[in-house]
Amino acid sequence: MKIISKIVILNNDESKSPFLNEHGFSALIEKGGYFLLFDTGNSDVFLKNMELIKFNPEKIKDIVISHGHYDHSGGLRFLSKKEKLNC
């Protein structure tokens, strides 16, 4: 059985249209149907980019914040308003 892992960068300082960017970082990590959100960037840019890739945030099982700087954790406030997660 082969389990595919995937990392999708949702937010960083650079991106190509139509994706949005800002100073900060966020990534969606997937392995075998398990989804982990690693950091949230500064704002709701990561959520808007999730919409562009047609990813439902309710699929996220866990969230990891690497450290407390605004550009890695600031988006949490938008996530709690957007969806009720099963974390």
PDB file of N, CA and C in Angstrom:
ATOM      1  N   MET A   1       0.846  -1.173   0.000  1.00  0.00           N
ATOM      2  CA  MET A   1       0.000   0.000   0.000  1.00  0.00           C
ATOM      3  C   MET A   1       0.896   1.243   0.000  1.00  0.00           C
ATOM      4  N   LYS A   2       0.611   2.166  -0.897  1.00  0.00           N
ATOM      5  CA  LYS A   2       1.392   3.387  -0.993  1.00  0.00           C
ATOM      6  C   LYS A   2       0.573   4.551  -0.452  1.00  0.00           C
ATOM      7  N   ILE A   3       1.107   5.255   0.545  1.00  0.00           N
ATOM      8  CA  ILE A   3       0.451   6.432   1.095  1.00  0.00           C
ATOM      9  C   ILE A   3       1.191   7.658   0.580  1.00  0.00           C
ATOM     10  N   ILE A   4       0.469   8.515  -0.078  1.00  0.00           N
ATOM     11  CA  ILE A   4       1.067   9.711  -0.663  1.00  0.00           C
ATOM     12  C   ILE A   4       0.985  10.863   0.332  1.00  0.00           C
ATOM     13  N   SER A   5       2.076  11.551   0.496  1.00  0.00           N
ATOM     14  CA  SER A   5       2.118  12.749   1.333  1.00  0.00           C
ATOM     15  C   SER A   5       2.198  13.968   0.425  1.00  0.00           C
ATOM     16  N   LYS A   6       1.565  15.056   0.878  1.00  0.00           N
ATOM     17  CA  LYS A   6       1.575  16.271   0.078  1.00  0.00           C
ATOM     18  C   LYS A   6       1.646  17.476   1.008  1.00  0.00           C
ATOM     19  N   ILE A   7       2.430  18.457   0.617  1.00  0.00           N
ATOM     20  CA  ILE A   7       2.503  19.731   1.335  1.00  0.00           C
ATOM     21  C   ILE A   7       2.124  20.830   0.346  1.00  0.00           C
ATOM     22  N   VAL A   8       1.121  21.610   0.728  1.00  0.00           N
ATOM     23  CA  VAL A   8       0.675  22.724  -0.104  1.00  0.00           C
ATOM     24  C   VAL A   8       0.960  24.010   0.661  1.00  0.00           C
ATOM     25  N   ILE A   9       1.760  24.886   0.091  1.00  0.00           N
ATOM     26  CA  ILE A   9       2.037  26.179   0.706  1.00  0.00           C
ATOM     27  C   ILE A   9       0.822  27.071   0.456  1.00  0.00           C
ATOM     28  N   LEU A  10       0.168  27.469   1.538  1.00  0.00           N
ATOM     29  CA  LEU A  10      -1.022  28.309   1.440  1.00  0.00           C
ATOM     30  C   LEU A  10      -0.697  29.792   1.493  1.00  0.00           C
ATOM     31  N   ASN A  11       0.425  30.120   2.106  1.00  0.00           N
ATOM     32  CA  ASN A  11       0.777  31.526   2.263  1.00  0.00           C
ATOM     33  C   ASN A  11       2.280  31.650   2.466  1.00  0.00           C
ATOM     34  N   ASN A  12       2.871  32.576   1.752  1.00  0.00           N
ATOM     35  CA  ASN A  12       4.254  32.993   1.980  1.00  0.00           C
ATOM     36  C   ASN A  12       4.435  34.368   1.355  1.00  0.00           C
ATOM     37  N   ASP A  13       5.650  34.835   1.305  1.00  0.00           N
ATOM     38  CA  ASP A  13       5.893  36.193   0.819  1.00  0.00           C
ATOM     39  C   ASP A  13       5.741  36.323  -0.698  1.00  0.00           C
ATOM     40  N   GLU A  14       5.723  35.207  -1.402  1.00  0.00           N
ATOM     41  CA  GLU A  14       5.629  35.230  -2.855  1.00  0.00           C
ATOM     42  C   GLU A  14       4.590  34.213  -3.316  1.00  0.00           C
ATOM     43  N   SER A  15       3.857  34.540  -4.328  1.00  0.00           N
ATOM     44  CA  SER A  15       2.958  33.592  -4.971  1.00  0.00           C
ATOM     45  C   SER A  15       2.645  34.098  -6.373  1.00  0.00           C
ATOM     46  N   LYS A  16       2.069  33.223  -7.156  1.00  0.00           N
ATOM     47  CA  LYS A  16       1.679  33.597  -8.512  1.00  0.00           C
ATOM     48  C   LYS A  16       0.161  33.686  -8.571  1.00  0.00           C
ATOM     49  N   SER A  17      -0.324  34.576  -9.390  1.00  0.00           N
ATOM     50  CA  SER A  17      -1.748  34.770  -9.585  1.00  0.00           C
ATOM     51  C   SER A  17      -2.395  33.440  -9.981  1.00  0.00           C
ATOM     52  N   PRO A  18      -3.537  33.118  -9.451  1.00  0.00           N
ATOM     53  CA  PRO A  18      -4.490  33.950  -8.730  1.00  0.00           C
ATOM     54  C   PRO A  18      -4.309  33.921  -7.211  1.00  0.00           C
ATOM     55  N   PHE A  19      -3.260  33.267  -6.724  1.00  0.00           N
ATOM     56  CA  PHE A  19      -3.086  33.120  -5.277  1.00  0.00           C
ATOM     57  C   PHE A  19      -2.615  34.413  -4.637  1.00  0.00           C
ATOM     58  N   LEU A  20      -3.085  34.653  -3.426  1.00  0.00           N
ATOM     59  CA  LEU A  20      -2.717  35.834  -2.657  1.00  0.00           C
ATOM     60  C   LEU A  20      -1.457  35.555  -1.853  1.00  0.00           C
ATOM     61  N   ASN A  21      -0.774  36.624  -1.434  1.00  0.00           N
ATOM     62  CA  ASN A  21       0.393  36.446  -0.569  1.00  0.00           C
ATOM     63  C   ASN A  21       0.458  37.574   0.440  1.00  0.00           C
ATOM     64  N   GLU A  22       1.245  37.372   1.444  1.00  0.00           N
ATOM     65  CA  GLU A  22       1.539  38.378   2.465  1.00  0.00           C
ATOM     66  C   GLU A  22       2.780  37.909   3.206  1.00  0.00           C
ATOM     67  N   HIS A  23       3.340  38.763   4.021  1.00  0.00           N
ATOM     68  CA  HIS A  23       4.457  38.344   4.852  1.00  0.00           C
ATOM     69  C   HIS A  23       3.918  37.357   5.882  1.00  0.00           C
ATOM     70  N   GLY A  24       4.482  36.171   5.891  1.00  0.00           N
ATOM     71  CA  GLY A  24       4.039  35.127   6.810  1.00  0.00           C
ATOM     72  C   GLY A  24       4.142  33.770   6.145  1.00  0.00           C
ATOM     73  N   PHE A  25       3.645  32.757   6.853  1.00  0.00           N
ATOM     74  CA  PHE A  25       3.740  31.401   6.328  1.00  0.00           C
ATOM     75  C   PHE A  25       2.559  30.567   6.794  1.00  0.00           C
ATOM     76  N   SER A  26       2.093  29.693   5.897  1.00  0.00           N
ATOM     77  CA  SER A  26       1.074  28.703   6.221  1.00  0.00           C
ATOM     78  C   SER A  26       1.187  27.561   5.217  1.00  0.00           C
ATOM     79  N   ALA A  27       1.024  26.334   5.711  1.00  0.00           N
ATOM     80  CA  ALA A  27       1.070  25.165   4.835  1.00  0.00           C
ATOM     81  C   ALA A  27       0.025  24.150   5.270  1.00  0.00           C
ATOM     82  N   LEU A  28      -0.496  23.446   4.292  1.00  0.00           N
ATOM     83  CA  LEU A  28      -1.428  22.352   4.534  1.00  0.00           C
ATOM     84  C   LEU A  28      -0.682  21.063   4.241  1.00  0.00           C
ATOM     85  N   ILE A  29      -0.636  20.181   5.217  1.00  0.00           N
ATOM     86  CA  ILE A  29       0.085  18.922   5.073  1.00  0.00           C
ATOM     87  C   ILE A  29      -0.943  17.798   5.056  1.00  0.00           C
ATOM     88  N   GLU A  30      -0.833  16.926   4.055  1.00  0.00           N
ATOM     89  CA  GLU A  30      -1.776  15.820   3.914  1.00  0.00           C
ATOM     90  C   GLU A  30      -1.023  14.509   3.791  1.00  0.00           C
ATOM     91  N   LYS A  31      -1.496  13.522   4.518  1.00  0.00           N
ATOM     92  CA  LYS A  31      -0.932  12.174   4.405  1.00  0.00           C
ATOM     93  C   LYS A  31      -2.047  11.172   4.636  1.00  0.00           C
ATOM     94  N   GLY A  32      -2.356  10.427   3.620  1.00  0.00           N
ATOM     95  CA  GLY A  32      -3.353   9.372   3.734  1.00  0.00           C
ATOM     96  C   GLY A  32      -4.716   9.863   4.202  1.00  0.00           C
ATOM     97  N   GLY A  33      -5.147  11.023   3.770  1.00  0.00           N
ATOM     98  CA  GLY A  33      -6.442  11.558   4.153  1.00  0.00           C
ATOM     99  C   GLY A  33      -6.464  12.327   5.459  1.00  0.00           C
ATOM    100  N   TYR A  34      -5.319  12.425   6.131  1.00  0.00           N
ATOM    101  CA  TYR A  34      -5.177  13.213   7.367  1.00  0.00           C
ATOM    102  C   TYR A  34      -4.619  14.574   6.978  1.00  0.00           C
ATOM    103  N   PHE A  35      -5.275  15.645   7.437  1.00  0.00           N
ATOM    104  CA  PHE A  35      -4.866  17.007   7.093  1.00  0.00           C
ATOM    105  C   PHE A  35      -4.447  17.771   8.342  1.00  0.00           C
ATOM    106  N   LEU A  36      -3.261  18.380   8.265  1.00  0.00           N
ATOM    107  CA  LEU A  36      -2.711  19.186   9.342  1.00  0.00           C
ATOM    108  C   LEU A  36      -2.409  20.571   8.791  1.00  0.00           C
ATOM    109  N   LEU A  37      -2.828  21.594   9.506  1.00  0.00           N
ATOM    110  CA  LEU A  37      -2.514  22.968   9.133  1.00  0.00           C
ATOM    111  C   LEU A  37      -1.299  23.405   9.934  1.00  0.00           C
ATOM    112  N   PHE A  38      -0.231  23.790   9.243  1.00  0.00           N
ATOM    113  CA  PHE A  38       1.001  24.228   9.890  1.00  0.00           C
ATOM    114  C   PHE A  38       1.113  25.736   9.710  1.00  0.00           C
ATOM    115  N   ASP A  39       0.898  26.462  10.785  1.00  0.00           N
ATOM    116  CA  ASP A  39       0.904  27.925  10.805  1.00  0.00           C
ATOM    117  C   ASP A  39      -0.274  28.486   9.999  1.00  0.00           C
ATOM    118  N   THR A  40      -0.577  29.753  10.257  1.00  0.00           N
ATOM    119  CA  THR A  40      -1.745  30.372   9.616  1.00  0.00           C
ATOM    120  C   THR A  40      -1.426  31.718   8.962  1.00  0.00           C
ATOM    121  N   GLY A  41      -0.168  32.119   8.946  1.00  0.00           N
ATOM    122  CA  GLY A  41       0.149  33.430   8.398  1.00  0.00           C
ATOM    123  C   GLY A  41      -0.398  34.539   9.281  1.00  0.00           C
ATOM    124  N   ASN A  42      -0.533  35.722   8.735  1.00  0.00           N
ATOM    125  CA  ASN A  42      -0.947  36.896   9.497  1.00  0.00           C
ATOM    126  C   ASN A  42      -2.446  37.165   9.422  1.00  0.00           C
ATOM    127  N   SER A  43      -3.075  36.792   8.321  1.00  0.00           N
ATOM    128  CA  SER A  43      -4.482  37.160   8.112  1.00  0.00           C
ATOM    129  C   SER A  43      -5.259  35.978   7.548  1.00  0.00           C
ATOM    130  N   ASP A  44      -6.317  36.272   6.804  1.00  0.00           N
ATOM    131  CA  ASP A  44      -7.137  35.215   6.214  1.00  0.00           C
ATOM    132  C   ASP A  44      -6.669  34.809   4.820  1.00  0.00           C
ATOM    133  N   VAL A  45      -5.484  35.223   4.415  1.00  0.00           N
ATOM    134  CA  VAL A  45      -4.961  34.866   3.095  1.00  0.00           C
ATOM    135  C   VAL A  45      -4.927  33.346   2.919  1.00  0.00           C
ATOM    136  N   PHE A  46      -4.533  32.604   3.934  1.00  0.00           N
ATOM    137  CA  PHE A  46      -4.462  31.148   3.810  1.00  0.00           C
ATOM    138  C   PHE A  46      -5.846  30.554   3.545  1.00  0.00           C
ATOM    139  N   LEU A  47      -6.886  31.125   4.136  1.00  0.00           N
ATOM    140  CA  LEU A  47      -8.261  30.642   3.901  1.00  0.00           C
ATOM    141  C   LEU A  47      -8.712  30.965   2.472  1.00  0.00           C
ATOM    142  N   LYS A  48      -8.376  32.142   2.011  1.00  0.00           N
ATOM    143  CA  LYS A  48      -8.736  32.518   0.640  1.00  0.00           C
ATOM    144  C   LYS A  48      -8.036  31.621  -0.369  1.00  0.00           C
ATOM    145  N   ASN A  49      -6.784  31.277  -0.090  1.00  0.00           N
ATOM    146  CA  ASN A  49      -6.062  30.367  -0.979  1.00  0.00           C
ATOM    147  C   ASN A  49      -6.615  28.944  -0.889  1.00  0.00           C
ATOM    148  N   MET A  50      -7.113  28.545   0.283  1.00  0.00           N
ATOM    149  CA  MET A  50      -7.793  27.250   0.405  1.00  0.00           C
ATOM    150  C   MET A  50      -9.017  27.216  -0.501  1.00  0.00           C
ATOM    151  N   GLU A  51      -9.747  28.307  -0.539  1.00  0.00           N
ATOM    152  CA  GLU A  51     -10.923  28.382  -1.417  1.00  0.00           C
ATOM    153  C   GLU A  51     -10.516  28.219  -2.876  1.00  0.00           C
ATOM    154  N   LEU A  52      -9.387  28.813  -3.256  1.00  0.00           N
ATOM    155  CA  LEU A  52      -8.921  28.710  -4.640  1.00  0.00           C
ATOM    156  C   LEU A  52      -8.584  27.273  -5.031  1.00  0.00           C
ATOM    157  N   ILE A  53      -8.081  26.483  -4.074  1.00  0.00           N
ATOM    158  CA  ILE A  53      -7.770  25.079  -4.378  1.00  0.00           C
ATOM    159  C   ILE A  53      -8.935  24.159  -4.029  1.00  0.00           C
ATOM    160  N   LYS A  54     -10.065  24.773  -3.650  1.00  0.00           N
ATOM    161  CA  LYS A  54     -11.295  24.045  -3.326  1.00  0.00           C
ATOM    162  C   LYS A  54     -11.110  23.055  -2.176  1.00  0.00           C
ATOM    163  N   PHE A  55     -10.388  23.519  -1.149  1.00  0.00           N
ATOM    164  CA  PHE A  55     -10.178  22.697   0.048  1.00  0.00           C
ATOM    165  C   PHE A  55     -11.110  23.175   1.147  1.00  0.00           C
ATOM    166  N   ASN A  56     -11.820  22.250   1.757  1.00  0.00           N
ATOM    167  CA  ASN A  56     -12.739  22.544   2.850  1.00  0.00           C
ATOM    168  C   ASN A  56     -11.983  22.532   4.178  1.00  0.00           C
ATOM    169  N   PRO A  57     -11.893  23.651   4.889  1.00  0.00           N
ATOM    170  CA  PRO A  57     -11.157  23.704   6.158  1.00  0.00           C
ATOM    171  C   PRO A  57     -11.681  22.741   7.224  1.00  0.00           C
ATOM    172  N   GLU A  58     -12.918  22.279   7.085  1.00  0.00           N
ATOM    173  CA  GLU A  58     -13.464  21.319   8.059  1.00  0.00           C
ATOM    174  C   GLU A  58     -12.731  19.985   8.026  1.00  0.00           C
ATOM    175  N   LYS A  59     -11.949  19.729   6.978  1.00  0.00           N
ATOM    176  CA  LYS A  59     -11.169  18.491   6.877  1.00  0.00           C
ATOM    177  C   LYS A  59      -9.916  18.528   7.753  1.00  0.00           C
ATOM    178  N   ILE A  60      -9.542  19.697   8.250  1.00  0.00           N
ATOM    179  CA  ILE A  60      -8.340  19.829   9.081  1.00  0.00           C
ATOM    180  C   ILE A  60      -8.566  19.126  10.411  1.00  0.00           C
ATOM    181  N   LYS A  61      -7.636  18.248  10.761  1.00  0.00           N
ATOM    182  CA  LYS A  61      -7.737  17.510  12.020  1.00  0.00           C
ATOM    183  C   LYS A  61      -6.920  18.139  13.133  1.00  0.00           C
ATOM    184  N   ASP A  62      -5.784  18.735  12.790  1.00  0.00           N
ATOM    185  CA  ASP A  62      -4.904  19.342  13.791  1.00  0.00           C
ATOM    186  C   ASP A  62      -4.286  20.611  13.226  1.00  0.00           C
ATOM    187  N   ILE A  63      -3.917  21.512  14.140  1.00  0.00           N
ATOM    188  CA  ILE A  63      -3.235  22.746  13.777  1.00  0.00           C
ATOM    189  C   ILE A  63      -1.970  22.844  14.613  1.00  0.00           C
ATOM    190  N   VAL A  64      -0.864  23.134  13.959  1.00  0.00           N
ATOM    191  CA  VAL A  64       0.418  23.334  14.644  1.00  0.00           C
ATOM    192  C   VAL A  64       0.868  24.759  14.360  1.00  0.00           C
ATOM    193  N   ILE A  65       1.197  25.479  15.411  1.00  0.00           N
ATOM    194  CA  ILE A  65       1.770  26.817  15.272  1.00  0.00           C
ATOM    195  C   ILE A  65       3.242  26.717  15.677  1.00  0.00           C
ATOM    196  N   SER A  66       4.121  27.036  14.740  1.00  0.00           N
ATOM    197  CA  SER A  66       5.552  26.838  14.981  1.00  0.00           C
ATOM    198  C   SER A  66       6.088  27.756  16.076  1.00  0.00           C
ATOM    199  N   HIS A  67       5.576  28.983  16.133  1.00  0.00           N
ATOM    200  CA  HIS A  67       5.970  29.916  17.176  1.00  0.00           C
ATOM    201  C   HIS A  67       4.978  31.079  17.181  1.00  0.00           C
ATOM    202  N   GLY A  68       5.035  31.909  18.176  1.00  0.00           N
ATOM    203  CA  GLY A  68       4.003  32.894  18.419  1.00  0.00           C
ATOM    204  C   GLY A  68       4.068  34.199  17.648  1.00  0.00           C
ATOM    205  N   HIS A  69       4.939  34.315  16.685  1.00  0.00           N
ATOM    206  CA  HIS A  69       5.000  35.563  15.919  1.00  0.00           C
ATOM    207  C   HIS A  69       3.735  35.740  15.087  1.00  0.00           C
ATOM    208  N   TYR A  70       3.314  37.005  14.941  1.00  0.00           N
ATOM    209  CA  TYR A  70       2.065  37.332  14.247  1.00  0.00           C
ATOM    210  C   TYR A  70       1.983  36.743  12.843  1.00  0.00           C
ATOM    211  N   ASP A  71       3.121  36.646  12.160  1.00  0.00           N
ATOM    212  CA  ASP A  71       3.108  36.182  10.776  1.00  0.00           C
ATOM    213  C   ASP A  71       3.015  34.664  10.642  1.00  0.00           C
ATOM    214  N   HIS A  72       2.938  33.969  11.773  1.00  0.00           N
ATOM    215  CA  HIS A  72       2.742  32.519  11.784  1.00  0.00           C
ATOM    216  C   HIS A  72       1.465  32.122  12.513  1.00  0.00           C
ATOM    217  N   SER A  73       0.969  33.003  13.372  1.00  0.00           N
ATOM    218  CA  SER A  73      -0.201  32.645  14.192  1.00  0.00           C
ATOM    219  C   SER A  73      -1.383  33.599  14.053  1.00  0.00           C
ATOM    220  N   GLY A  74      -1.208  34.723  13.386  1.00  0.00           N
ATOM    221  CA  GLY A  74      -2.259  35.737  13.312  1.00  0.00           C
ATOM    222  C   GLY A  74      -3.538  35.279  12.632  1.00  0.00           C
ATOM    223  N   GLY A  75      -3.444  34.331  11.727  1.00  0.00           N
ATOM    224  CA  GLY A  75      -4.621  33.862  11.011  1.00  0.00           C
ATOM    225  C   GLY A  75      -5.574  33.027  11.840  1.00  0.00           C
ATOM    226  N   LEU A  76      -5.140  32.598  13.016  1.00  0.00           N
ATOM    227  CA  LEU A  76      -6.033  31.792  13.869  1.00  0.00           C
ATOM    228  C   LEU A  76      -7.344  32.507  14.140  1.00  0.00           C
ATOM    229  N   ARG A  77      -7.302  33.811  14.305  1.00  0.00           N
ATOM    230  CA  ARG A  77      -8.523  34.556  14.612  1.00  0.00           C
ATOM    231  C   ARG A  77      -9.528  34.480  13.471  1.00  0.00           C
ATOM    232  N   PHE A  78      -9.064  34.338  12.242  1.00  0.00           N
ATOM    233  CA  PHE A  78      -9.960  34.215  11.096  1.00  0.00           C
ATOM    234  C   PHE A  78     -10.491  32.794  10.957  1.00  0.00           C
ATOM    235  N   LEU A  79      -9.683  31.836  11.328  1.00  0.00           N
ATOM    236  CA  LEU A  79     -10.097  30.445  11.232  1.00  0.00           C
ATOM    237  C   LEU A  79     -11.235  30.144  12.194  1.00  0.00           C
ATOM    238  N   SER A  80     -11.149  30.675  13.388  1.00  0.00           N
ATOM    239  CA  SER A  80     -12.200  30.407  14.373  1.00  0.00           C
ATOM    240  C   SER A  80     -13.525  31.041  13.956  1.00  0.00           C
ATOM    241  N   LYS A  81     -13.490  32.121  13.187  1.00  0.00           N
ATOM    242  CA  LYS A  81     -14.713  32.757  12.701  1.00  0.00           C
ATOM    243  C   LYS A  81     -15.280  32.037  11.487  1.00  0.00           C
ATOM    244  N   LYS A  82     -14.402  31.415  10.711  1.00  0.00           N
ATOM    245  CA  LYS A  82     -14.794  30.833   9.429  1.00  0.00           C
ATOM    246  C   LYS A  82     -15.495  29.493   9.582  1.00  0.00           C
ATOM    247  N   GLU A  83     -14.925  28.598  10.341  1.00  0.00           N
ATOM    248  CA  GLU A  83     -15.401  27.228  10.389  1.00  0.00           C
ATOM    249  C   GLU A  83     -15.371  26.677  11.812  1.00  0.00           C
ATOM    250  N   LYS A  84     -16.235  25.770  12.076  1.00  0.00           N
ATOM    251  CA  LYS A  84     -16.144  24.987  13.310  1.00  0.00           C
ATOM    252  C   LYS A  84     -15.340  23.745  12.955  1.00  0.00           C
ATOM    253  N   LEU A  85     -14.146  23.641  13.512  1.00  0.00           N
ATOM    254  CA  LEU A  85     -13.266  22.528  13.186  1.00  0.00           C
ATOM    255  C   LEU A  85     -13.386  21.421  14.207  1.00  0.00           C
ATOM    256  N   ASN A  86     -12.983  20.250  13.819  1.00  0.00           N
ATOM    257  CA  ASN A  86     -13.011  19.092  14.704  1.00  0.00           C
ATOM    258  C   ASN A  86     -11.679  18.869  15.389  1.00  0.00           C
ATOM    259  N   CYS A  87     -10.920  19.936  15.631  1.00  0.00           N
ATOM    260  CA  CYS A  87      -9.591  19.818  16.246  1.00  0.00           C
ATOM    261  C   CYS A  87      -9.732  19.637  17.750  1.00  0.00           C
TER     262      CYS A  87
END
